[in-house]
Amino acid sequence: MTDRNLSWKEFMNVEMRVGTILEATPFEEARNPSIKLKIDFGEGDVRKSSAQITDFYTPEALIGKQIIAVVNFPPKQIANMMSECLVLGSVNPYGEVTLLQPERRVKNGERIG
């Protein structure tokens, strides 16, 4: 936990949105076991991301799954791919990630807040 609290304005600047995974493939070039994702955030906004989620997820099982991601971070180079959003998940003490997702299907692009 951090000792610094965010202001409401700072929190509202973090743009978290719901998206649906369209494509998922093993990311062989990444340093750590990862999966390349192509995510639809609605209205033609499709973004790429890399996620270290191989402990609990296979690429095949991710197709069609809705997730939550931060979409207003700057792009980040990961191996030979430019990641365009940060997929969110909880990380247990062993470093295994469980994806955050809405409890029911919602429209792609809906904002979390």
PDB file of N, CA and C in Angstrom:
ATOM      1  N   MET A   1       0.834  -1.183   0.000  1.00  0.00           N
ATOM      2  CA  MET A   1       0.000   0.000   0.000  1.00  0.00           C
ATOM      3  C   MET A   1       0.878   1.245   0.000  1.00  0.00           C
ATOM      4  N   THR A   2       0.353   2.287  -0.557  1.00  0.00           N
ATOM      5  CA  THR A   2       1.083   3.548  -0.631  1.00  0.00           C
ATOM      6  C   THR A   2       0.670   4.477   0.511  1.00  0.00           C
ATOM      7  N   ASP A   3       1.563   5.366   0.865  1.00  0.00           N
ATOM      8  CA  ASP A   3       1.257   6.352   1.894  1.00  0.00           C
ATOM      9  C   ASP A   3       0.605   7.598   1.322  1.00  0.00           C
ATOM     10  N   ARG A   4       0.597   7.721   0.008  1.00  0.00           N
ATOM     11  CA  ARG A   4       0.064   8.919  -0.635  1.00  0.00           C
ATOM     12  C   ARG A   4      -1.324   8.638  -1.192  1.00  0.00           C
ATOM     13  N   ASN A   5      -2.271   9.467  -0.833  1.00  0.00           N
ATOM     14  CA  ASN A   5      -3.624   9.341  -1.360  1.00  0.00           C
ATOM     15  C   ASN A   5      -3.772  10.168  -2.627  1.00  0.00           C
ATOM     16  N   LEU A   6      -4.500   9.624  -3.600  1.00  0.00           N
ATOM     17  CA  LEU A   6      -4.819  10.369  -4.812  1.00  0.00           C
ATOM     18  C   LEU A   6      -5.937  11.355  -4.524  1.00  0.00           C
ATOM     19  N   SER A   7      -5.916  12.457  -5.221  1.00  0.00           N
ATOM     20  CA  SER A   7      -7.064  13.363  -5.162  1.00  0.00           C
ATOM     21  C   SER A   7      -8.137  12.803  -6.095  1.00  0.00           C
ATOM     22  N   TRP A   8      -9.363  13.277  -5.916  1.00  0.00           N
ATOM     23  CA  TRP A   8     -10.446  12.840  -6.800  1.00  0.00           C
ATOM     24  C   TRP A   8     -10.124  13.208  -8.250  1.00  0.00           C
ATOM     25  N   LYS A   9      -9.560  14.396  -8.447  1.00  0.00           N
ATOM     26  CA  LYS A   9      -9.212  14.841  -9.799  1.00  0.00           C
ATOM     27  C   LYS A   9      -8.177  13.906 -10.414  1.00  0.00           C
ATOM     28  N   GLU A  10      -7.166  13.493  -9.642  1.00  0.00           N
ATOM     29  CA  GLU A  10      -6.148  12.561 -10.155  1.00  0.00           C
ATOM     30  C   GLU A  10      -6.789  11.236 -10.551  1.00  0.00           C
ATOM     31  N   PHE A  11      -7.675  10.716  -9.707  1.00  0.00           N
ATOM     32  CA  PHE A  11      -8.347   9.452 -10.015  1.00  0.00           C
ATOM     33  C   PHE A  11      -9.167   9.568 -11.298  1.00  0.00           C
ATOM     34  N   MET A  12      -9.886  10.673 -11.459  1.00  0.00           N
ATOM     35  CA  MET A  12     -10.730  10.844 -12.641  1.00  0.00           C
ATOM     36  C   MET A  12      -9.911  10.988 -13.920  1.00  0.00           C
ATOM     37  N   ASN A  13      -8.633  11.298 -13.803  1.00  0.00           N
ATOM     38  CA  ASN A  13      -7.762  11.377 -14.976  1.00  0.00           C
ATOM     39  C   ASN A  13      -7.335  10.001 -15.481  1.00  0.00           C
ATOM     40  N   VAL A  14      -7.491   8.970 -14.650  1.00  0.00           N
ATOM     41  CA  VAL A  14      -7.170   7.604 -15.082  1.00  0.00           C
ATOM     42  C   VAL A  14      -8.391   7.069 -15.814  1.00  0.00           C
ATOM     43  N   GLU A  15      -8.250   6.836 -17.113  1.00  0.00           N
ATOM     44  CA  GLU A  15      -9.380   6.406 -17.935  1.00  0.00           C
ATOM     45  C   GLU A  15      -9.380   4.884 -18.067  1.00  0.00           C
ATOM     46  N   MET A  16     -10.229   4.251 -17.244  1.00  0.00           N
ATOM     47  CA  MET A  16     -10.393   2.793 -17.287  1.00  0.00           C
ATOM     48  C   MET A  16     -11.661   2.487 -18.062  1.00  0.00           C
ATOM     49  N   ARG A  17     -11.530   1.583 -19.029  1.00  0.00           N
ATOM     50  CA  ARG A  17     -12.681   1.236 -19.877  1.00  0.00           C
ATOM     51  C   ARG A  17     -12.789  -0.277 -20.041  1.00  0.00           C
ATOM     52  N   VAL A  18     -14.001  -0.711 -20.383  1.00  0.00           N
ATOM     53  CA  VAL A  18     -14.275  -2.123 -20.653  1.00  0.00           C
ATOM     54  C   VAL A  18     -14.029  -2.390 -22.128  1.00  0.00           C
ATOM     55  N   GLY A  19     -13.355  -3.507 -22.395  1.00  0.00           N
ATOM     56  CA  GLY A  19     -13.130  -3.929 -23.773  1.00  0.00           C
ATOM     57  C   GLY A  19     -13.282  -5.430 -23.910  1.00  0.00           C
ATOM     58  N   THR A  20     -13.492  -5.882 -25.136  1.00  0.00           N
ATOM     59  CA  THR A  20     -13.624  -7.310 -25.421  1.00  0.00           C
ATOM     60  C   THR A  20     -12.400  -7.781 -26.197  1.00  0.00           C
ATOM     61  N   ILE A  21     -11.819  -8.873 -25.757  1.00  0.00           N
ATOM     62  CA  ILE A  21     -10.639  -9.431 -26.419  1.00  0.00           C
ATOM     63  C   ILE A  21     -11.062 -10.080 -27.736  1.00  0.00           C
ATOM     64  N   LEU A  22     -10.495  -9.570 -28.836  1.00  0.00           N
ATOM     65  CA  LEU A  22     -10.782 -10.089 -30.175  1.00  0.00           C
ATOM     66  C   LEU A  22      -9.783 -11.171 -30.580  1.00  0.00           C
ATOM     67  N   GLU A  23      -8.517 -10.952 -30.236  1.00  0.00           N
ATOM     68  CA  GLU A  23      -7.446 -11.885 -30.597  1.00  0.00           C
ATOM     69  C   GLU A  23      -6.515 -12.052 -29.408  1.00  0.00           C
ATOM     70  N   ALA A  24      -5.969 -13.246 -29.256  1.00  0.00           N
ATOM     71  CA  ALA A  24      -4.993 -13.536 -28.203  1.00  0.00           C
ATOM     72  C   ALA A  24      -4.022 -14.581 -28.734  1.00  0.00           C
ATOM     73  N   THR A  25      -2.734 -14.257 -28.685  1.00  0.00           N
ATOM     74  CA  THR A  25      -1.702 -15.174 -29.174  1.00  0.00           C
ATOM     75  C   THR A  25      -0.522 -15.169 -28.218  1.00  0.00           C
ATOM     76  N   PRO A  26       0.201 -16.288 -28.140  1.00  0.00           N
ATOM     77  CA  PRO A  26       1.396 -16.309 -27.298  1.00  0.00           C
ATOM     78  C   PRO A  26       2.378 -15.232 -27.763  1.00  0.00           C
ATOM     79  N   PHE A  27       3.033 -14.578 -26.818  1.00  0.00           N
ATOM     80  CA  PHE A  27       3.995 -13.516 -27.122  1.00  0.00           C
ATOM     81  C   PHE A  27       5.388 -14.090 -26.911  1.00  0.00           C
ATOM     82  N   GLU A  28       5.867 -14.793 -27.925  1.00  0.00           N
ATOM     83  CA  GLU A  28       7.135 -15.510 -27.851  1.00  0.00           C
ATOM     84  C   GLU A  28       8.332 -14.591 -27.634  1.00  0.00           C
ATOM     85  N   GLU A  29       8.269 -13.368 -28.153  1.00  0.00           N
ATOM     86  CA  GLU A  29       9.404 -12.455 -28.085  1.00  0.00           C
ATOM     87  C   GLU A  29       9.537 -11.753 -26.729  1.00  0.00           C
ATOM     88  N   ALA A  30       8.512 -11.797 -25.905  1.00  0.00           N
ATOM     89  CA  ALA A  30       8.544 -11.123 -24.598  1.00  0.00           C
ATOM     90  C   ALA A  30       9.522 -11.812 -23.650  1.00  0.00           C
ATOM     91  N   ARG A  31      10.109 -11.030 -22.775  1.00  0.00           N
ATOM     92  CA  ARG A  31      11.066 -11.546 -21.799  1.00  0.00           C
ATOM     93  C   ARG A  31      10.409 -12.526 -20.820  1.00  0.00           C
ATOM     94  N   ASN A  32       9.203 -12.182 -20.350  1.00  0.00           N
ATOM     95  CA  ASN A  32       8.449 -13.047 -19.434  1.00  0.00           C
ATOM     96  C   ASN A  32       7.266 -13.648 -20.176  1.00  0.00           C
ATOM     97  N   PRO A  33       6.803 -14.836 -19.772  1.00  0.00           N
ATOM     98  CA  PRO A  33       5.654 -15.451 -20.457  1.00  0.00           C
ATOM     99  C   PRO A  33       4.473 -14.483 -20.516  1.00  0.00           C
ATOM    100  N   SER A  34       4.019 -14.212 -21.720  1.00  0.00           N
ATOM    101  CA  SER A  34       2.960 -13.219 -21.930  1.00  0.00           C
ATOM    102  C   SER A  34       2.068 -13.627 -23.093  1.00  0.00           C
ATOM    103  N   ILE A  35       0.956 -12.912 -23.195  1.00  0.00           N
ATOM    104  CA  ILE A  35       0.012 -13.114 -24.288  1.00  0.00           C
ATOM    105  C   ILE A  35      -0.234 -11.760 -24.954  1.00  0.00           C
ATOM    106  N   LYS A  36      -0.154 -11.725 -26.294  1.00  0.00           N
ATOM    107  CA  LYS A  36      -0.512 -10.523 -27.065  1.00  0.00           C
ATOM    108  C   LYS A  36      -2.027 -10.487 -27.185  1.00  0.00           C
ATOM    109  N   LEU A  37      -2.598  -9.316 -26.965  1.00  0.00           N
ATOM    110  CA  LEU A  37      -4.041  -9.154 -27.036  1.00  0.00           C
ATOM    111  C   LEU A  37      -4.415  -8.057 -28.021  1.00  0.00           C
ATOM    112  N   LYS A  38      -5.515  -8.250 -28.713  1.00  0.00           N
ATOM    113  CA  LYS A  38      -6.146  -7.195 -29.511  1.00  0.00           C
ATOM    114  C   LYS A  38      -7.526  -7.015 -28.882  1.00  0.00           C
ATOM    115  N   ILE A  39      -7.803  -5.776 -28.417  1.00  0.00           N
ATOM    116  CA  ILE A  39      -8.983  -5.513 -27.599  1.00  0.00           C
ATOM    117  C   ILE A  39      -9.855  -4.444 -28.246  1.00  0.00           C
ATOM    118  N   ASP A  40     -11.167  -4.719 -28.319  1.00  0.00           N
ATOM    119  CA  ASP A  40     -12.141  -3.787 -28.886  1.00  0.00           C
ATOM    120  C   ASP A  40     -12.761  -2.960 -27.765  1.00  0.00           C
ATOM    121  N   PHE A  41     -12.530  -1.631 -27.806  1.00  0.00           N
ATOM    122  CA  PHE A  41     -13.111  -0.726 -26.822  1.00  0.00           C
ATOM    123  C   PHE A  41     -14.308   0.032 -27.390  1.00  0.00           C
ATOM    124  N   GLY A  42     -14.848  -0.433 -28.502  1.00  0.00           N
ATOM    125  CA  GLY A  42     -16.054   0.156 -29.079  1.00  0.00           C
ATOM    126  C   GLY A  42     -15.768   1.306 -30.023  1.00  0.00           C
ATOM    127  N   GLU A  43     -16.717   1.550 -30.910  1.00  0.00           N
ATOM    128  CA  GLU A  43     -16.665   2.654 -31.865  1.00  0.00           C
ATOM    129  C   GLU A  43     -15.355   2.701 -32.649  1.00  0.00           C
ATOM    130  N   GLY A  44     -14.870   1.534 -33.063  1.00  0.00           N
ATOM    131  CA  GLY A  44     -13.668   1.447 -33.897  1.00  0.00           C
ATOM    132  C   GLY A  44     -12.357   1.573 -33.144  1.00  0.00           C
ATOM    133  N   ASP A  45     -12.408   1.652 -31.823  1.00  0.00           N
ATOM    134  CA  ASP A  45     -11.196   1.787 -31.007  1.00  0.00           C
ATOM    135  C   ASP A  45     -10.685   0.394 -30.625  1.00  0.00           C
ATOM    136  N   VAL A  46      -9.766  -0.134 -31.430  1.00  0.00           N
ATOM    137  CA  VAL A  46      -9.161  -1.442 -31.189  1.00  0.00           C
ATOM    138  C   VAL A  46      -7.694  -1.212 -30.850  1.00  0.00           C
ATOM    139  N   ARG A  47      -7.264  -1.776 -29.719  1.00  0.00           N
ATOM    140  CA  ARG A  47      -5.892  -1.553 -29.242  1.00  0.00           C
ATOM    141  C   ARG A  47      -5.189  -2.864 -28.953  1.00  0.00           C
ATOM    142  N   LYS A  48      -3.839  -2.794 -29.010  1.00  0.00           N
ATOM    143  CA  LYS A  48      -2.995  -3.946 -28.706  1.00  0.00           C
ATOM    144  C   LYS A  48      -2.448  -3.811 -27.286  1.00  0.00           C
ATOM    145  N   SER A  49      -2.236  -4.952 -26.664  1.00  0.00           N
ATOM    146  CA  SER A  49      -1.616  -4.961 -25.345  1.00  0.00           C
ATOM    147  C   SER A  49      -0.894  -6.287 -25.163  1.00  0.00           C
ATOM    148  N   SER A  50       0.001  -6.293 -24.197  1.00  0.00           N
ATOM    149  CA  SER A  50       0.696  -7.510 -23.786  1.00  0.00           C
ATOM    150  C   SER A  50       0.386  -7.723 -22.320  1.00  0.00           C
ATOM    151  N   ALA A  51       0.084  -8.951 -21.937  1.00  0.00           N
ATOM    152  CA  ALA A  51      -0.260  -9.221 -20.542  1.00  0.00           C
ATOM    153  C   ALA A  51       0.421 -10.497 -20.065  1.00  0.00           C
ATOM    154  N   GLN A  52       0.998 -10.426 -18.870  1.00  0.00           N
ATOM    155  CA  GLN A  52       1.632 -11.590 -18.255  1.00  0.00           C
ATOM    156  C   GLN A  52       0.569 -12.344 -17.458  1.00  0.00           C
ATOM    157  N   ILE A  53      -0.268 -13.064 -18.189  1.00  0.00           N
ATOM    158  CA  ILE A  53      -1.442 -13.720 -17.596  1.00  0.00           C
ATOM    159  C   ILE A  53      -1.482 -15.212 -17.903  1.00  0.00           C
ATOM    160  N   THR A  54      -0.320 -15.783 -18.188  1.00  0.00           N
ATOM    161  CA  THR A  54      -0.283 -17.179 -18.643  1.00  0.00           C
ATOM    162  C   THR A  54      -0.510 -18.208 -17.538  1.00  0.00           C
ATOM    163  N   ASP A  55      -0.477 -17.799 -16.277  1.00  0.00           N
ATOM    164  CA  ASP A  55      -0.701 -18.760 -15.195  1.00  0.00           C
ATOM    165  C   ASP A  55      -2.137 -19.286 -15.175  1.00  0.00           C
ATOM    166  N   PHE A  56      -3.091 -18.411 -15.433  1.00  0.00           N
ATOM    167  CA  PHE A  56      -4.500 -18.790 -15.331  1.00  0.00           C
ATOM    168  C   PHE A  56      -5.258 -18.773 -16.655  1.00  0.00           C
ATOM    169  N   TYR A  57      -4.631 -18.271 -17.740  1.00  0.00           N
ATOM    170  CA  TYR A  57      -5.356 -18.087 -18.991  1.00  0.00           C
ATOM    171  C   TYR A  57      -4.582 -18.648 -20.179  1.00  0.00           C
ATOM    172  N   THR A  58      -5.315 -19.217 -21.118  1.00  0.00           N
ATOM    173  CA  THR A  58      -4.741 -19.611 -22.408  1.00  0.00           C
ATOM    174  C   THR A  58      -5.262 -18.625 -23.452  1.00  0.00           C
ATOM    175  N   PRO A  59      -4.536 -18.445 -24.539  1.00  0.00           N
ATOM    176  CA  PRO A  59      -5.039 -17.533 -25.579  1.00  0.00           C
ATOM    177  C   PRO A  59      -6.448 -17.894 -26.046  1.00  0.00           C
ATOM    178  N   GLU A  60      -6.700 -19.172 -26.234  1.00  0.00           N
ATOM    179  CA  GLU A  60      -8.013 -19.613 -26.736  1.00  0.00           C
ATOM    180  C   GLU A  60      -9.142 -19.227 -25.781  1.00  0.00           C
ATOM    181  N   ALA A  61      -8.904 -19.324 -24.481  1.00  0.00           N
ATOM    182  CA  ALA A  61      -9.943 -19.037 -23.490  1.00  0.00           C
ATOM    183  C   ALA A  61     -10.211 -17.535 -23.347  1.00  0.00           C
ATOM    184  N   LEU A  62      -9.315 -16.700 -23.835  1.00  0.00           N
ATOM    185  CA  LEU A  62      -9.465 -15.253 -23.685  1.00  0.00           C
ATOM    186  C   LEU A  62     -10.347 -14.606 -24.746  1.00  0.00           C
ATOM    187  N   ILE A  63     -10.488 -15.256 -25.896  1.00  0.00           N
ATOM    188  CA  ILE A  63     -11.273 -14.683 -26.995  1.00  0.00           C
ATOM    189  C   ILE A  63     -12.714 -14.468 -26.539  1.00  0.00           C
ATOM    190  N   GLY A  64     -13.207 -13.227 -26.702  1.00  0.00           N
ATOM    191  CA  GLY A  64     -14.578 -12.900 -26.323  1.00  0.00           C
ATOM    192  C   GLY A  64     -14.736 -12.451 -24.879  1.00  0.00           C
ATOM    193  N   LYS A  65     -13.695 -12.570 -24.066  1.00  0.00           N
ATOM    194  CA  LYS A  65     -13.770 -12.175 -22.665  1.00  0.00           C
ATOM    195  C   LYS A  65     -13.696 -10.651 -22.553  1.00  0.00           C
ATOM    196  N   GLN A  66     -14.549 -10.084 -21.707  1.00  0.00           N
ATOM    197  CA  GLN A  66     -14.472  -8.653 -21.434  1.00  0.00           C
ATOM    198  C   GLN A  66     -13.499  -8.410 -20.293  1.00  0.00           C
ATOM    199  N   ILE A  67     -12.703  -7.361 -20.434  1.00  0.00           N
ATOM    200  CA  ILE A  67     -11.695  -7.007 -19.437  1.00  0.00           C
ATOM    201  C   ILE A  67     -11.773  -5.509 -19.170  1.00  0.00           C
ATOM    202  N   ILE A  68     -11.001  -5.068 -18.188  1.00  0.00           N
ATOM    203  CA  ILE A  68     -10.903  -3.647 -17.870  1.00  0.00           C
ATOM    204  C   ILE A  68      -9.458  -3.227 -18.093  1.00  0.00           C
ATOM    205  N   ALA A  69      -9.270  -2.090 -18.749  1.00  0.00           N
ATOM    206  CA  ALA A  69      -7.922  -1.612 -19.048  1.00  0.00           C
ATOM    207  C   ALA A  69      -7.853  -0.102 -18.906  1.00  0.00           C
ATOM    208  N   VAL A  70      -6.651   0.384 -18.613  1.00  0.00           N
ATOM    209  CA  VAL A  70      -6.378   1.823 -18.633  1.00  0.00           C
ATOM    210  C   VAL A  70      -6.012   2.162 -20.072  1.00  0.00           C
ATOM    211  N   VAL A  71      -6.727   3.117 -20.656  1.00  0.00           N
ATOM    212  CA  VAL A  71      -6.530   3.416 -22.077  1.00  0.00           C
ATOM    213  C   VAL A  71      -5.842   4.764 -22.329  1.00  0.00           C
ATOM    214  N   ASN A  72      -5.493   5.501 -21.274  1.00  0.00           N
ATOM    215  CA  ASN A  72      -4.871   6.807 -21.512  1.00  0.00           C
ATOM    216  C   ASN A  72      -3.436   6.901 -20.989  1.00  0.00           C
ATOM    217  N   PHE A  73      -2.752   5.761 -20.892  1.00  0.00           N
ATOM    218  CA  PHE A  73      -1.305   5.782 -20.687  1.00  0.00           C
ATOM    219  C   PHE A  73      -0.649   5.935 -22.050  1.00  0.00           C
ATOM    220  N   PRO A  74       0.564   6.484 -22.117  1.00  0.00           N
ATOM    221  CA  PRO A  74       1.247   6.541 -23.410  1.00  0.00           C
ATOM    222  C   PRO A  74       1.615   5.128 -23.874  1.00  0.00           C
ATOM    223  N   PRO A  75       1.692   4.904 -25.185  1.00  0.00           N
ATOM    224  CA  PRO A  75       2.112   3.591 -25.695  1.00  0.00           C
ATOM    225  C   PRO A  75       3.476   3.209 -25.121  1.00  0.00           C
ATOM    226  N   LYS A  76       3.678   1.888 -24.941  1.00  0.00           N
ATOM    227  CA  LYS A  76       4.929   1.390 -24.368  1.00  0.00           C
ATOM    228  C   LYS A  76       5.464   0.250 -25.234  1.00  0.00           C
ATOM    229  N   GLN A  77       6.745   0.343 -25.584  1.00  0.00           N
ATOM    230  CA  GLN A  77       7.380  -0.715 -26.373  1.00  0.00           C
ATOM    231  C   GLN A  77       7.643  -1.920 -25.480  1.00  0.00           C
ATOM    232  N   ILE A  78       7.121  -3.074 -25.880  1.00  0.00           N
ATOM    233  CA  ILE A  78       7.376  -4.326 -25.190  1.00  0.00           C
ATOM    234  C   ILE A  78       7.875  -5.304 -26.249  1.00  0.00           C
ATOM    235  N   ALA A  79       9.147  -5.665 -26.136  1.00  0.00           N
ATOM    236  CA  ALA A  79       9.803  -6.498 -27.162  1.00  0.00           C
ATOM    237  C   ALA A  79       9.579  -5.836 -28.521  1.00  0.00           C
ATOM    238  N   ASN A  80       8.962  -6.561 -29.468  1.00  0.00           N
ATOM    239  CA  ASN A  80       8.765  -6.018 -30.821  1.00  0.00           C
ATOM    240  C   ASN A  80       7.355  -5.474 -31.054  1.00  0.00           C
ATOM    241  N   MET A  81       6.644  -5.166 -29.970  1.00  0.00           N
ATOM    242  CA  MET A  81       5.256  -4.704 -30.075  1.00  0.00           C
ATOM    243  C   MET A  81       5.071  -3.410 -29.279  1.00  0.00           C
ATOM    244  N   MET A  82       4.222  -2.524 -29.771  1.00  0.00           N
ATOM    245  CA  MET A  82       3.862  -1.312 -29.054  1.00  0.00           C
ATOM    246  C   MET A  82       2.545  -1.567 -28.327  1.00  0.00           C
ATOM    247  N   SER A  83       2.585  -1.593 -26.985  1.00  0.00           N
ATOM    248  CA  SER A  83       1.388  -1.802 -26.185  1.00  0.00           C
ATOM    249  C   SER A  83       0.635  -0.480 -26.080  1.00  0.00           C
ATOM    250  N   GLU A  84      -0.679  -0.517 -26.317  1.00  0.00           N
ATOM    251  CA  GLU A  84      -1.486   0.697 -26.393  1.00  0.00           C
ATOM    252  C   GLU A  84      -2.453   0.884 -25.233  1.00  0.00           C
ATOM    253  N   CYS A  85      -2.468  -0.064 -24.298  1.00  0.00           N
ATOM    254  CA  CYS A  85      -3.308   0.057 -23.104  1.00  0.00           C
ATOM    255  C   CYS A  85      -2.767  -0.901 -22.046  1.00  0.00           C
ATOM    256  N   LEU A  86      -3.191  -0.695 -20.803  1.00  0.00           N
ATOM    257  CA  LEU A  86      -2.749  -1.538 -19.689  1.00  0.00           C
ATOM    258  C   LEU A  86      -3.931  -2.345 -19.172  1.00  0.00           C
ATOM    259  N   VAL A  87      -3.897  -3.657 -19.398  1.00  0.00           N
ATOM    260  CA  VAL A  87      -4.940  -4.544 -18.917  1.00  0.00           C
ATOM    261  C   VAL A  87      -4.765  -4.704 -17.401  1.00  0.00           C
ATOM    262  N   LEU A  88      -5.879  -4.594 -16.662  1.00  0.00           N
ATOM    263  CA  LEU A  88      -5.810  -4.620 -15.208  1.00  0.00           C
ATOM    264  C   LEU A  88      -6.137  -5.997 -14.635  1.00  0.00           C
ATOM    265  N   GLY A  89      -5.449  -6.330 -13.563  1.00  0.00           N
ATOM    266  CA  GLY A  89      -5.694  -7.581 -12.868  1.00  0.00           C
ATOM    267  C   GLY A  89      -5.147  -7.511 -11.463  1.00  0.00           C
ATOM    268  N   SER A  90      -5.614  -8.415 -10.626  1.00  0.00           N
ATOM    269  CA  SER A  90      -5.055  -8.518  -9.279  1.00  0.00           C
ATOM    270  C   SER A  90      -3.886  -9.487  -9.334  1.00  0.00           C
ATOM    271  N   VAL A  91      -2.869  -9.213  -8.526  1.00  0.00           N
ATOM    272  CA  VAL A  91      -1.663 -10.033  -8.514  1.00  0.00           C
ATOM    273  C   VAL A  91      -1.515 -10.647  -7.130  1.00  0.00           C
ATOM    274  N   ASN A  92      -1.489 -11.986  -7.080  1.00  0.00           N
ATOM    275  CA  ASN A  92      -1.349 -12.652  -5.787  1.00  0.00           C
ATOM    276  C   ASN A  92       0.127 -12.695  -5.367  1.00  0.00           C
ATOM    277  N   PRO A  93       0.429 -13.177  -4.165  1.00  0.00           N
ATOM    278  CA  PRO A  93       1.822 -13.184  -3.688  1.00  0.00           C
ATOM    279  C   PRO A  93       2.788 -13.989  -4.565  1.00  0.00           C
ATOM    280  N   TYR A  94       2.280 -14.856  -5.422  1.00  0.00           N
ATOM    281  CA  TYR A  94       3.125 -15.664  -6.302  1.00  0.00           C
ATOM    282  C   TYR A  94       3.322 -15.009  -7.669  1.00  0.00           C
ATOM    283  N   GLY A  95       2.734 -13.822  -7.859  1.00  0.00           N
ATOM    284  CA  GLY A  95       2.869 -13.113  -9.124  1.00  0.00           C
ATOM    285  C   GLY A  95       1.855 -13.535 -10.174  1.00  0.00           C
ATOM    286  N   GLU A  96       0.881 -14.353  -9.798  1.00  0.00           N
ATOM    287  CA  GLU A  96      -0.139 -14.811 -10.739  1.00  0.00           C
ATOM    288  C   GLU A  96      -1.247 -13.759 -10.842  1.00  0.00           C
ATOM    289  N   VAL A  97      -1.669 -13.486 -12.079  1.00  0.00           N
ATOM    290  CA  VAL A  97      -2.623 -12.403 -12.341  1.00  0.00           C
ATOM    291  C   VAL A  97      -4.013 -12.966 -12.633  1.00  0.00           C
ATOM    292  N   THR A  98      -5.013 -12.386 -11.961  1.00  0.00           N
ATOM    293  CA  THR A  98      -6.417 -12.646 -12.256  1.00  0.00           C
ATOM    294  C   THR A  98      -6.987 -11.385 -12.875  1.00  0.00           C
ATOM    295  N   LEU A  99      -7.502 -11.486 -14.084  1.00  0.00           N
ATOM    296  CA  LEU A  99      -8.022 -10.326 -14.805  1.00  0.00           C
ATOM    297  C   LEU A  99      -9.225  -9.704 -14.104  1.00  0.00           C
ATOM    298  N   LEU A 100      -9.291  -8.371 -14.139  1.00  0.00           N
ATOM    299  CA  LEU A 100     -10.481  -7.664 -13.673  1.00  0.00           C
ATOM    300  C   LEU A 100     -11.464  -7.634 -14.831  1.00  0.00           C
ATOM    301  N   GLN A 101     -12.727  -7.923 -14.516  1.00  0.00           N
ATOM    302  CA  GLN A 101     -13.742  -7.933 -15.563  1.00  0.00           C
ATOM    303  C   GLN A 101     -15.101  -7.598 -14.972  1.00  0.00           C
ATOM    304  N   PRO A 102     -15.996  -7.054 -15.799  1.00  0.00           N
ATOM    305  CA  PRO A 102     -17.333  -6.731 -15.286  1.00  0.00           C
ATOM    306  C   PRO A 102     -18.083  -8.012 -14.935  1.00  0.00           C
ATOM    307  N   GLU A 103     -18.985  -7.919 -13.963  1.00  0.00           N
ATOM    308  CA  GLU A 103     -19.730  -9.103 -13.545  1.00  0.00           C
ATOM    309  C   GLU A 103     -20.772  -9.539 -14.562  1.00  0.00           C
ATOM    310  N   ARG A 104     -21.154  -8.626 -15.455  1.00  0.00           N
ATOM    311  CA  ARG A 104     -22.072  -8.976 -16.541  1.00  0.00           C
ATOM    312  C   ARG A 104     -21.617  -8.253 -17.803  1.00  0.00           C
ATOM    313  N   ARG A 105     -22.086  -8.718 -18.932  1.00  0.00           N
ATOM    314  CA  ARG A 105     -21.689  -8.143 -20.218  1.00  0.00           C
ATOM    315  C   ARG A 105     -22.174  -6.693 -20.312  1.00  0.00           C
ATOM    316  N   VAL A 106     -21.281  -5.806 -20.714  1.00  0.00           N
ATOM    317  CA  VAL A 106     -21.620  -4.388 -20.882  1.00  0.00           C
ATOM    318  C   VAL A 106     -21.106  -3.931 -22.241  1.00  0.00           C
ATOM    319  N   LYS A 107     -21.469  -2.722 -22.620  1.00  0.00           N
ATOM    320  CA  LYS A 107     -21.046  -2.168 -23.895  1.00  0.00           C
ATOM    321  C   LYS A 107     -19.551  -1.873 -23.865  1.00  0.00           C
ATOM    322  N   ASN A 108     -18.847  -2.277 -24.937  1.00  0.00           N
ATOM    323  CA  ASN A 108     -17.421  -1.961 -25.045  1.00  0.00           C
ATOM    324  C   ASN A 108     -17.227  -0.450 -24.977  1.00  0.00           C
ATOM    325  N   GLY A 109     -16.213  -0.046 -24.226  1.00  0.00           N
ATOM    326  CA  GLY A 109     -15.900   1.377 -24.096  1.00  0.00           C
ATOM    327  C   GLY A 109     -16.489   2.024 -22.864  1.00  0.00           C
ATOM    328  N   GLU A 110     -17.386   1.310 -22.145  1.00  0.00           N
ATOM    329  CA  GLU A 110     -17.960   1.916 -20.935  1.00  0.00           C
ATOM    330  C   GLU A 110     -16.843   2.245 -19.962  1.00  0.00           C
ATOM    331  N   ARG A 111     -16.971   3.400 -19.341  1.00  0.00           N
ATOM    332  CA  ARG A 111     -15.935   3.893 -18.430  1.00  0.00           C
ATOM    333  C   ARG A 111     -16.145   3.335 -17.020  1.00  0.00           C
ATOM    334  N   ILE A 112     -15.048   3.016 -16.370  1.00  0.00           N
ATOM    335  CA  ILE A 112     -15.049   2.586 -14.977  1.00  0.00           C
ATOM    336  C   ILE A 112     -14.805   3.824 -14.140  1.00  0.00           C
ATOM    337  N   GLY A 113     -15.535   3.995 -13.082  1.00  0.00           N
ATOM    338  CA  GLY A 113     -15.306   5.169 -12.249  1.00  0.00           C
ATOM    339  C   GLY A 113     -16.251   5.247 -11.106  1.00  0.00           C
TER     340      GLY A 113
END
